[in-house]
Amino acid sequence: MTVEQAGLVYKTTSEIRGPILMVEGIRGVSYDELVRIRRPSGEEVTGSVLDVSRDWAMVQCFGDTSGMDLNVTIKFTGETLKIPMSPELIGRVFSGSFEPLDGMPRPLSTDLRDVNGGTINPAARDVPSEFIQTGISAIDGMNSLVRGQKLPIFSESGLPHNMLAAQIARQATIPGSEEDFAIVFGAMGIKHEEAAYFREEFEKTGALSKSVMILNLADDPPIERIVTPKIAQTIAEYLAFDLGMHVLVILTDMTNYAEALRAISIAREEIPTRKGYPGYLYSDLATIYERAGRITGKSGSVTLMPILSMPAGDITHPVPDLTGYITEGQLILQRELSLRGIYPPMNPLPSLSRLMKDGIGAETTREDHSDVANQLYMAYAEGARARGLVRIVGVVGLSERERTWLEFADRFENEFVKQGPYENRSVEQTLEIAWDLLSILPEEDLIRVREAYINKYHPAHKSES
């Protein structure tokens, strides 16, 4: 061991297991401490302390460890991983280890922030209450997003969740507000063509000018996936609570993050729980999700939309299951709808936005919004039930009323849910489409809508006036 001014340096690596290095004979090392790992060739990569005991430390390497031998130099810096904060971050693209991917130099700033940060104090939280328009009817009309909310998208492999994420990033606005709105996009374990798709979409639509992208690719070190969402949330906090901006954070795919967490847990030889995930998966996800929200007295906000793929469409899988406990609802993409050519393939029946009621109404969207959403939900549920009966008795076996529900369900999917990936609908357009669909039904069946709203917005009454 040698001692340098910037920290302790060791050459006592005893074992290398994938991205994990075991260093013996250490002293004065702490958990999460930043580490510099230097090969004999002089090449240096970054790591952090994953676990520490009295005389050994487990170090996770954020770079490539292939070809690395025990003759490496380990330098413990005495600091945690920090990144520079500056308004110039907007419009930039970085890797999962915060290296520039856009050909520009590293950002320079004396304002360094610890990526581990901390969750928002519940006593300081302000209640989310402002509607965010995504331009997507299935979200805006029935599962509205509210500023400061945590609303995940549950998807499956092969479904267009990446396309949906890009569309939300392009179109998200706060109606009637001239305040700044920024996007922080964090991707974990995505393929090269997916990364190219996101960059191209953001660049050609101008969304990159208001965005910060952090991209961890599938062939990047899996350990980087652990810090990618933390970097994204740290940047979002700075933009929101220091610069007063409204920030939408999109993280995809949180299942890849959890897989990396499981790999580290196995390397640490921890006792696994469901499907091999560590017992602290819930609290670990919470440390990421709970950094979103609004703070009393601050004008900015962090709204979070994590995307996670459910293996085999299993909503009881640990990652979506635990995510549902932490967040305020979920948007569920369904393979059956996708196979029928419906984009976005979002099923409104199991989807839910728990804060929708706080963000809609006369002051933010329109007075009839809540009633219309409830009526659409009821009518579509009746249509889904009628479809089940068709499989048993056929269409001829349905009553006239059930055939009406069936027609509503088909048109609802093809006119309300279905829209183009570049189609940006205002909330007024969404509600007008909803009323056109509700006009299919007899007025006596519109039991979830107040009579005053029927008289004001129903197409039959509007034509009379």
Protein backbone atom coordinates (compact mmCIF):
# COMPACT_ATOMS: atom_id res chain seq x y z
CA MET A 1 0.00 0.00 0.00
CA THR A 2 1.12 3.55 -0.74
CA VAL A 3 -0.39 6.85 0.34
CA GLU A 4 -1.11 9.74 -2.02
CA GLN A 5 -2.37 13.19 -1.14
CA ALA A 6 -5.75 12.63 -2.84
CA GLY A 7 -6.46 9.34 -1.06
CA LEU A 8 -5.29 5.86 -0.20
CA VAL A 9 -3.82 3.67 -2.93
CA TYR A 10 -3.69 -0.14 -2.75
CA LYS A 11 -2.27 -2.94 -4.88
CA THR A 12 -3.86 -5.72 -2.84
CA THR A 13 -6.63 -6.91 -5.16
CA SER A 14 -7.19 -10.59 -4.33
CA GLU A 15 -10.06 -11.51 -6.67
CA ILE A 16 -11.91 -10.22 -9.75
CA ARG A 17 -15.45 -11.52 -10.34
CA GLY A 18 -16.87 -9.86 -13.44
CA PRO A 19 -17.24 -6.15 -12.56
CA ILE A 20 -16.47 -6.84 -8.87
CA LEU A 21 -13.00 -6.48 -7.33
CA MET A 22 -12.06 -7.67 -3.82
CA VAL A 23 -9.40 -5.51 -2.17
CA GLU A 24 -7.73 -6.67 1.05
CA GLY A 25 -5.80 -4.91 3.81
CA ILE A 26 -7.76 -1.67 3.55
CA ARG A 27 -8.42 0.91 6.25
CA GLY A 28 -10.45 4.11 6.47
CA VAL A 29 -12.67 3.19 3.50
CA SER A 30 -16.39 3.92 3.52
CA TYR A 31 -19.44 2.64 1.65
CA ASP A 32 -20.19 4.33 -1.73
CA GLU A 33 -16.72 5.89 -1.82
CA LEU A 34 -15.44 6.75 -5.28
CA VAL A 35 -12.58 4.56 -6.53
CA ARG A 36 -10.03 5.02 -9.34
CA ILE A 37 -8.83 1.73 -10.83
CA ARG A 38 -5.65 1.92 -12.88
CA ARG A 39 -4.34 -0.88 -15.08
CA PRO A 40 -0.57 -1.43 -15.45
CA SER A 41 -0.92 0.17 -18.92
CA GLY A 42 -1.99 3.43 -17.26
CA GLU A 43 -5.64 3.24 -18.37
CA GLU A 44 -7.98 4.34 -15.60
CA VAL A 45 -11.61 3.43 -14.93
CA THR A 46 -13.99 4.50 -12.18
CA GLY A 47 -15.67 2.40 -9.51
CA SER A 48 -17.28 2.70 -6.12
CA VAL A 49 -17.23 0.79 -2.86
CA LEU A 50 -20.09 -1.68 -2.82
CA ASP A 51 -19.39 -3.31 0.53
CA VAL A 52 -16.77 -2.83 3.22
CA SER A 53 -15.57 -4.72 6.27
CA ARG A 54 -12.78 -4.28 8.78
CA ASP A 55 -9.96 -5.25 6.43
CA TRP A 56 -11.50 -5.72 2.96
CA ALA A 57 -13.62 -3.82 0.47
CA MET A 58 -15.77 -4.91 -2.44
CA VAL A 59 -15.43 -2.51 -5.37
CA GLN A 60 -17.80 -2.29 -8.33
CA CYS A 61 -16.14 -1.16 -11.55
CA PHE A 62 -18.06 1.13 -13.93
CA GLY A 63 -15.75 0.35 -16.83
CA ASP A 64 -14.74 -2.74 -18.76
CA THR A 65 -12.91 -5.32 -16.62
CA SER A 66 -12.13 -7.77 -19.44
CA GLY A 67 -8.43 -8.56 -19.44
CA MET A 68 -7.93 -6.91 -16.06
CA ASP A 69 -5.60 -8.80 -13.72
CA LEU A 70 -4.77 -8.57 -10.01
CA ASN A 71 -1.87 -6.21 -10.70
CA VAL A 72 -4.10 -3.13 -10.71
CA THR A 73 -3.83 -0.03 -8.58
CA ILE A 74 -6.87 0.84 -6.47
CA LYS A 75 -7.15 4.42 -5.31
CA PHE A 76 -9.81 5.28 -2.72
CA THR A 77 -10.56 9.00 -3.16
CA GLY A 78 -12.49 9.59 0.06
CA GLU A 79 -15.39 11.09 -1.93
CA THR A 80 -18.66 9.83 -3.35
CA LEU A 81 -19.61 9.99 -7.03
CA LYS A 82 -20.45 13.60 -7.88
CA ILE A 83 -21.36 15.27 -11.15
CA PRO A 84 -21.12 18.97 -12.14
CA MET A 85 -24.38 20.92 -12.34
CA SER A 86 -24.89 23.69 -14.88
CA PRO A 87 -27.71 25.05 -17.10
CA GLU A 88 -25.50 24.01 -20.04
CA LEU A 89 -26.44 20.37 -19.34
CA ILE A 90 -29.64 20.94 -21.32
CA GLY A 91 -29.23 19.69 -24.86
CA ARG A 92 -26.42 17.29 -23.92
CA VAL A 93 -26.11 13.50 -24.27
CA PHE A 94 -24.09 11.43 -21.77
CA SER A 95 -23.27 7.80 -21.10
CA GLY A 96 -24.31 5.93 -17.97
CA SER A 97 -21.02 6.95 -16.37
CA PHE A 98 -21.61 10.61 -17.31
CA GLU A 99 -19.12 10.66 -20.20
CA PRO A 100 -20.17 12.91 -23.14
CA LEU A 101 -21.59 11.06 -26.16
CA ASP A 102 -22.25 14.16 -28.26
CA GLY A 103 -18.67 15.06 -29.11
CA MET A 104 -18.65 18.02 -26.76
CA PRO A 105 -16.33 18.45 -23.75
CA ARG A 106 -17.26 17.44 -20.23
CA PRO A 107 -19.30 20.10 -18.43
CA LEU A 108 -17.31 22.31 -16.08
CA SER A 109 -18.78 23.62 -12.86
CA THR A 110 -17.80 24.13 -9.26
CA ASP A 111 -21.30 22.98 -8.23
CA LEU A 112 -20.78 19.24 -7.73
CA ARG A 113 -23.73 17.12 -6.59
CA ASP A 114 -23.69 13.66 -5.02
CA VAL A 115 -25.66 11.36 -7.36
CA ASN A 116 -27.03 9.39 -4.40
CA GLY A 117 -28.90 12.47 -3.24
CA GLY A 118 -31.84 11.92 -0.94
CA THR A 119 -35.59 11.51 -1.13
CA ILE A 120 -37.87 14.50 -0.60
CA ASN A 121 -38.87 15.03 3.02
CA PRO A 122 -42.58 14.09 3.24
CA ALA A 123 -43.21 17.15 5.43
CA ALA A 124 -41.87 19.39 2.66
CA ARG A 125 -43.88 17.81 -0.14
CA ASP A 126 -46.54 19.86 -1.91
CA VAL A 127 -49.64 18.15 -3.30
CA PRO A 128 -49.44 17.62 -7.11
CA SER A 129 -52.35 19.49 -8.69
CA GLU A 130 -51.45 20.74 -12.19
CA PHE A 131 -52.46 18.82 -15.31
CA ILE A 132 -49.71 17.84 -17.79
CA GLN A 133 -50.94 17.40 -21.36
CA THR A 134 -49.16 14.57 -23.17
CA GLY A 135 -51.27 14.83 -26.33
CA ILE A 136 -52.22 11.15 -25.94
CA SER A 137 -55.96 10.62 -25.38
CA ALA A 138 -55.63 7.36 -23.43
CA ILE A 139 -53.50 9.22 -20.87
CA ASP A 140 -54.98 12.73 -20.89
CA GLY A 141 -58.58 11.59 -21.03
CA MET A 142 -58.69 8.68 -18.60
CA ASN A 143 -55.39 8.49 -16.68
CA SER A 144 -54.23 12.08 -16.52
CA LEU A 145 -50.66 12.91 -15.53
CA VAL A 146 -50.22 15.58 -12.85
CA ARG A 147 -47.15 17.74 -12.22
CA GLY A 148 -45.03 16.09 -9.52
CA GLN A 149 -46.61 12.65 -9.96
CA LYS A 150 -44.88 9.27 -10.27
CA LEU A 151 -46.75 7.38 -13.02
CA PRO A 152 -45.03 4.26 -14.41
CA ILE A 153 -45.69 2.51 -17.73
CA PHE A 154 -45.92 -1.30 -17.46
CA SER A 155 -45.04 -2.92 -20.77
CA GLU A 156 -43.80 -6.17 -22.30
CA SER A 157 -40.93 -7.05 -24.59
CA GLY A 158 -41.78 -6.15 -28.18
CA LEU A 159 -44.40 -3.51 -27.36
CA PRO A 160 -43.86 0.10 -28.52
CA HIS A 161 -43.05 1.58 -25.11
CA ASN A 162 -39.96 3.28 -26.55
CA MET A 163 -42.09 4.97 -29.21
CA LEU A 164 -44.56 6.03 -26.53
CA ALA A 165 -41.77 7.39 -24.33
CA ALA A 166 -40.38 9.46 -27.21
CA GLN A 167 -43.87 10.78 -28.01
CA ILE A 168 -44.49 11.83 -24.40
CA ALA A 169 -41.09 13.53 -24.28
CA ARG A 170 -41.87 15.47 -27.48
CA GLN A 171 -45.39 16.50 -26.61
CA ALA A 172 -45.56 17.02 -22.83
CA THR A 173 -46.71 20.54 -21.96
CA ILE A 174 -48.47 22.36 -19.15
CA PRO A 175 -51.48 24.07 -20.77
CA GLY A 176 -51.63 27.81 -20.19
CA SER A 177 -48.19 27.96 -18.61
CA GLU A 178 -45.22 29.80 -20.07
CA GLU A 179 -42.80 28.31 -17.53
CA ASP A 180 -39.80 26.30 -18.67
CA PHE A 181 -40.36 22.59 -19.22
CA ALA A 182 -37.43 20.18 -19.52
CA ILE A 183 -37.01 16.45 -20.19
CA VAL A 184 -34.45 14.23 -18.45
CA PHE A 185 -34.27 10.92 -20.29
CA GLY A 186 -32.42 8.01 -18.70
CA ALA A 187 -32.06 4.70 -20.54
CA MET A 188 -30.63 1.52 -19.03
CA GLY A 189 -29.46 -1.50 -21.01
CA ILE A 190 -30.98 -0.44 -24.34
CA LYS A 191 -29.75 -1.65 -27.73
CA HIS A 192 -27.72 0.56 -30.08
CA GLU A 193 -30.62 0.91 -32.53
CA GLU A 194 -32.89 2.00 -29.67
CA ALA A 195 -30.38 4.63 -28.56
CA ALA A 196 -30.06 5.83 -32.16
CA TYR A 197 -33.87 6.00 -32.42
CA PHE A 198 -34.18 8.14 -29.30
CA ARG A 199 -31.40 10.52 -30.34
CA GLU A 200 -32.81 10.88 -33.86
CA GLU A 201 -36.35 11.47 -32.55
CA PHE A 202 -35.20 14.06 -30.05
CA GLU A 203 -33.00 15.85 -32.59
CA LYS A 204 -35.39 16.02 -35.55
CA THR A 205 -38.33 17.23 -33.44
CA GLY A 206 -36.30 19.77 -31.47
CA ALA A 207 -36.96 17.99 -28.18
CA LEU A 208 -33.21 17.64 -27.56
CA SER A 209 -32.94 21.40 -27.08
CA LYS A 210 -34.93 21.04 -23.85
CA SER A 211 -33.60 17.62 -22.82
CA VAL A 212 -30.73 15.89 -21.07
CA MET A 213 -30.10 12.30 -22.19
CA ILE A 214 -28.23 9.65 -20.20
CA LEU A 215 -27.81 6.47 -22.24
CA ASN A 216 -26.51 3.17 -20.87
CA LEU A 217 -26.28 0.68 -23.75
CA ALA A 218 -26.70 -3.08 -23.59
CA ASP A 219 -22.97 -3.67 -24.14
CA ASP A 220 -21.95 -1.07 -21.55
CA PRO A 221 -20.92 -2.35 -18.11
CA PRO A 222 -24.11 -3.52 -16.33
CA ILE A 223 -22.92 -1.79 -13.16
CA GLU A 224 -23.42 1.55 -14.92
CA ARG A 225 -27.16 0.82 -14.90
CA ILE A 226 -27.10 1.29 -11.14
CA VAL A 227 -25.96 4.92 -11.38
CA THR A 228 -27.84 5.95 -14.56
CA PRO A 229 -31.21 6.67 -12.88
CA LYS A 230 -29.42 8.35 -9.98
CA ILE A 231 -27.60 10.67 -12.38
CA ALA A 232 -30.90 11.42 -14.13
CA GLN A 233 -32.68 12.25 -10.87
CA THR A 234 -29.78 14.40 -9.66
CA ILE A 235 -29.92 16.48 -12.85
CA ALA A 236 -33.72 16.70 -12.60
CA GLU A 237 -33.52 17.95 -9.01
CA TYR A 238 -31.06 20.65 -10.02
CA LEU A 239 -33.17 21.85 -12.96
CA ALA A 240 -36.37 21.80 -10.90
CA PHE A 241 -35.42 23.01 -7.45
CA ASP A 242 -32.44 25.24 -8.30
CA LEU A 243 -33.51 26.65 -11.67
CA GLY A 244 -37.27 26.50 -11.06
CA MET A 245 -38.13 24.42 -14.14
CA HIS A 246 -40.84 21.83 -14.63
CA VAL A 247 -39.01 18.56 -15.33
CA LEU A 248 -40.36 15.29 -16.74
CA VAL A 249 -38.07 12.32 -16.04
CA ILE A 250 -38.46 9.23 -18.22
CA LEU A 251 -36.52 6.14 -17.13
CA THR A 252 -36.44 3.05 -19.33
CA ASP A 253 -36.12 0.17 -18.56
CA MET A 254 -36.31 -0.16 -14.77
CA THR A 255 -36.37 -3.96 -15.11
CA ASN A 256 -32.82 -3.76 -16.52
CA TYR A 257 -31.88 -1.68 -13.48
CA ALA A 258 -33.31 -4.34 -11.17
CA GLU A 259 -31.45 -7.07 -13.08
CA ALA A 260 -28.17 -5.23 -12.48
CA LEU A 261 -29.07 -4.86 -8.82
CA ARG A 262 -29.72 -8.61 -8.62
CA ALA A 263 -26.34 -9.35 -10.24
CA ILE A 264 -24.59 -7.24 -7.60
CA SER A 265 -26.57 -8.91 -4.83
CA ILE A 266 -25.47 -12.33 -6.09
CA ALA A 267 -21.85 -11.16 -6.22
CA ARG A 268 -22.17 -10.01 -2.61
CA GLU A 269 -23.55 -13.46 -1.76
CA GLU A 270 -26.66 -11.97 -0.17
CA ILE A 271 -29.68 -14.11 0.66
CA PRO A 272 -32.11 -13.74 -2.27
CA THR A 273 -35.87 -13.30 -2.08
CA ARG A 274 -38.47 -13.63 -4.86
CA LYS A 275 -36.93 -14.61 -8.20
CA GLY A 276 -33.44 -14.01 -6.83
CA TYR A 277 -33.86 -10.28 -6.22
CA PRO A 278 -32.39 -8.81 -3.03
CA GLY A 279 -34.66 -8.17 -0.07
CA TYR A 280 -33.96 -4.43 -0.28
CA LEU A 281 -35.33 -4.10 -3.85
CA TYR A 282 -38.37 -2.19 -2.56
CA SER A 283 -36.36 0.35 -0.59
CA ASP A 284 -33.82 0.70 -3.40
CA LEU A 285 -36.52 1.50 -5.97
CA ALA A 286 -38.08 3.91 -3.48
CA THR A 287 -34.81 5.87 -3.19
CA ILE A 288 -35.13 6.58 -6.93
CA TYR A 289 -38.88 7.11 -7.26
CA GLU A 290 -39.27 9.24 -4.13
CA ARG A 291 -36.84 11.86 -5.45
CA ALA A 292 -39.68 13.04 -7.70
CA GLY A 293 -42.37 15.46 -6.60
CA ARG A 294 -42.97 19.07 -5.62
CA ILE A 295 -41.46 20.94 -2.68
CA THR A 296 -43.40 23.60 -0.80
CA GLY A 297 -42.05 27.04 -1.66
CA LYS A 298 -40.26 25.86 -4.82
CA SER A 299 -41.67 26.75 -8.23
CA GLY A 300 -40.13 23.77 -10.03
CA SER A 301 -41.20 20.15 -9.96
CA VAL A 302 -40.00 16.66 -10.92
CA THR A 303 -42.57 14.40 -12.60
CA LEU A 304 -41.47 10.80 -13.08
CA MET A 305 -42.56 8.24 -15.69
CA PRO A 306 -40.50 5.06 -15.26
CA ILE A 307 -40.98 2.39 -17.92
CA LEU A 308 -40.54 -1.26 -17.01
CA SER A 309 -41.05 -4.45 -18.98
CA MET A 310 -42.96 -7.25 -17.30
CA PRO A 311 -41.33 -10.63 -18.09
CA ALA A 312 -43.96 -12.74 -19.88
CA GLY A 313 -46.48 -10.00 -19.11
CA ASP A 314 -46.50 -10.98 -15.43
CA ILE A 315 -47.77 -8.00 -13.44
CA THR A 316 -47.00 -9.88 -10.20
CA HIS A 317 -43.28 -9.94 -11.08
CA PRO A 318 -41.32 -8.27 -8.24
CA VAL A 319 -40.32 -5.16 -10.23
CA PRO A 320 -43.83 -4.04 -11.38
CA ASP A 321 -45.35 -5.33 -8.15
CA LEU A 322 -43.10 -3.25 -5.89
CA THR A 323 -43.20 -0.27 -8.26
CA GLY A 324 -46.97 -0.21 -7.95
CA TYR A 325 -46.71 0.17 -4.19
CA ILE A 326 -44.38 3.18 -4.43
CA THR A 327 -45.89 5.11 -7.34
CA GLU A 328 -49.28 6.76 -7.85
CA GLY A 329 -50.83 4.45 -10.42
CA GLN A 330 -49.75 2.68 -13.59
CA LEU A 331 -50.32 2.76 -17.35
CA ILE A 332 -50.53 -0.77 -18.76
CA LEU A 333 -49.66 -1.64 -22.36
CA GLN A 334 -51.33 -4.81 -23.65
CA ARG A 335 -50.06 -7.18 -26.34
CA GLU A 336 -53.59 -8.04 -27.53
CA LEU A 337 -54.25 -4.41 -28.47
CA SER A 338 -50.87 -4.13 -30.19
CA LEU A 339 -51.60 -7.22 -32.30
CA ARG A 340 -54.79 -5.54 -33.49
CA GLY A 341 -52.75 -2.58 -34.76
CA ILE A 342 -53.74 -0.17 -32.00
CA TYR A 343 -51.14 2.39 -30.93
CA PRO A 344 -50.61 3.13 -28.15
CA PRO A 345 -51.79 -0.33 -26.99
CA MET A 346 -52.88 1.03 -23.62
CA ASN A 347 -55.69 -0.76 -21.79
CA PRO A 348 -57.59 1.83 -19.71
CA LEU A 349 -59.34 -0.77 -17.54
CA PRO A 350 -56.35 -1.94 -15.43
CA SER A 351 -54.57 1.41 -15.83
CA LEU A 352 -54.90 3.97 -13.08
CA SER A 353 -53.78 7.49 -12.18
CA ARG A 354 -54.43 8.03 -8.48
CA LEU A 355 -53.80 11.77 -8.67
CA MET A 356 -55.95 12.42 -11.75
CA LYS A 357 -58.79 13.89 -9.69
CA ASP A 358 -56.43 16.57 -8.33
CA GLY A 359 -55.29 17.73 -11.77
CA ILE A 360 -58.48 17.96 -13.82
CA GLY A 361 -61.65 20.05 -13.72
CA ALA A 362 -62.88 23.49 -14.69
CA GLU A 363 -59.71 25.26 -13.55
CA THR A 364 -57.24 23.03 -15.38
CA THR A 365 -58.89 20.98 -18.17
CA ARG A 366 -62.68 21.18 -18.45
CA GLU A 367 -65.59 20.85 -16.04
CA ASP A 368 -66.94 17.64 -17.60
CA HIS A 369 -63.58 15.82 -17.69
CA SER A 370 -64.07 13.67 -14.58
CA ASP A 371 -67.63 12.61 -15.47
CA VAL A 372 -66.65 11.79 -19.05
CA ALA A 373 -63.69 9.67 -17.91
CA ASN A 374 -65.90 7.72 -15.50
CA GLN A 375 -68.53 7.12 -18.19
CA LEU A 376 -65.93 6.00 -20.73
CA TYR A 377 -64.52 3.55 -18.21
CA MET A 378 -67.95 2.09 -17.44
CA ALA A 379 -68.96 1.84 -21.13
CA TYR A 380 -65.68 0.20 -22.16
CA ALA A 381 -65.96 -2.29 -19.28
CA GLU A 382 -69.47 -3.20 -20.48
CA GLY A 383 -68.12 -3.60 -24.01
CA ALA A 384 -65.34 -5.89 -22.76
CA ARG A 385 -67.96 -7.99 -20.95
CA ALA A 386 -70.03 -8.20 -24.16
CA ARG A 387 -66.93 -9.47 -26.00
CA GLY A 388 -66.67 -12.25 -23.46
CA LEU A 389 -70.28 -13.22 -24.14
CA VAL A 390 -69.62 -13.28 -27.90
CA ARG A 391 -67.10 -16.08 -27.37
CA ILE A 392 -69.85 -18.11 -25.71
CA VAL A 393 -73.12 -17.31 -27.51
CA GLY A 394 -71.94 -15.38 -30.59
CA VAL A 395 -73.09 -11.94 -31.68
CA VAL A 396 -76.60 -13.22 -32.50
CA GLY A 397 -77.01 -14.24 -28.87
CA LEU A 398 -76.47 -10.69 -27.59
CA SER A 399 -79.28 -8.35 -26.68
CA GLU A 400 -79.65 -5.06 -28.56
CA ARG A 401 -78.19 -3.20 -25.59
CA GLU A 402 -75.17 -5.53 -25.42
CA ARG A 403 -74.55 -5.03 -29.15
CA THR A 404 -74.46 -1.30 -28.53
CA TRP A 405 -71.83 -1.78 -25.81
CA LEU A 406 -69.85 -4.01 -28.19
CA GLU A 407 -69.93 -1.36 -30.93
CA PHE A 408 -68.81 1.25 -28.39
CA ALA A 409 -65.80 -0.87 -27.32
CA ASP A 410 -64.64 -1.34 -30.92
CA ARG A 411 -64.98 2.33 -31.79
CA PHE A 412 -63.45 3.40 -28.47
CA GLU A 413 -60.27 1.45 -29.21
CA ASN A 414 -60.04 2.61 -32.83
CA GLU A 415 -61.02 6.27 -32.39
CA PHE A 416 -60.10 7.23 -28.82
CA VAL A 417 -57.18 4.99 -27.82
CA LYS A 418 -55.66 4.65 -31.29
CA GLN A 419 -53.76 7.62 -32.64
CA GLY A 420 -50.60 8.33 -34.59
CA PRO A 421 -47.16 8.50 -32.95
CA TYR A 422 -46.89 12.13 -34.10
CA GLU A 423 -50.52 13.04 -33.42
CA ASN A 424 -50.69 15.60 -30.63
CA ARG A 425 -54.26 16.00 -29.37
CA SER A 426 -55.27 18.80 -27.06
CA VAL A 427 -57.38 17.85 -24.06
CA GLU A 428 -60.34 19.60 -25.72
CA GLN A 429 -59.96 17.37 -28.80
CA THR A 430 -59.76 14.32 -26.56
CA LEU A 431 -63.00 15.25 -24.77
CA GLU A 432 -64.78 15.97 -28.08
CA ILE A 433 -63.84 12.50 -29.36
CA ALA A 434 -65.14 11.07 -26.08
CA TRP A 435 -68.51 12.82 -26.47
CA ASP A 436 -68.83 11.60 -30.07
CA LEU A 437 -68.36 8.04 -28.81
CA LEU A 438 -70.78 8.50 -25.90
CA SER A 439 -73.42 9.64 -28.36
CA ILE A 440 -73.59 6.02 -29.56
CA LEU A 441 -75.21 5.11 -26.26
CA PRO A 442 -78.79 5.93 -25.23
CA GLU A 443 -78.83 8.97 -22.97
CA GLU A 444 -80.44 6.96 -20.18
CA ASP A 445 -77.27 4.84 -20.05
CA LEU A 446 -75.06 7.89 -19.40
CA ILE A 447 -75.48 7.46 -15.66
CA ARG A 448 -71.99 8.71 -14.75
CA VAL A 449 -72.40 12.13 -16.38
CA ARG A 450 -74.38 14.97 -14.88
CA GLU A 451 -77.43 16.07 -16.83
CA ALA A 452 -76.11 19.62 -17.10
CA TYR A 453 -73.00 18.35 -18.90
CA ILE A 454 -75.08 16.17 -21.22
CA ASN A 455 -77.18 19.19 -22.17
CA LYS A 456 -74.04 21.29 -22.73
CA TYR A 457 -71.63 18.91 -24.48
CA HIS A 458 -73.64 16.00 -25.97
CA PRO A 459 -73.53 16.26 -29.82
CA ALA A 460 -77.32 15.87 -30.07
CA HIS A 461 -77.96 18.83 -27.76
CA LYS A 462 -75.19 20.94 -29.31
CA SER A 463 -76.75 20.52 -32.76
CA GLU A 464 -80.16 21.53 -31.36
CA SER A 465 -78.74 24.75 -29.96
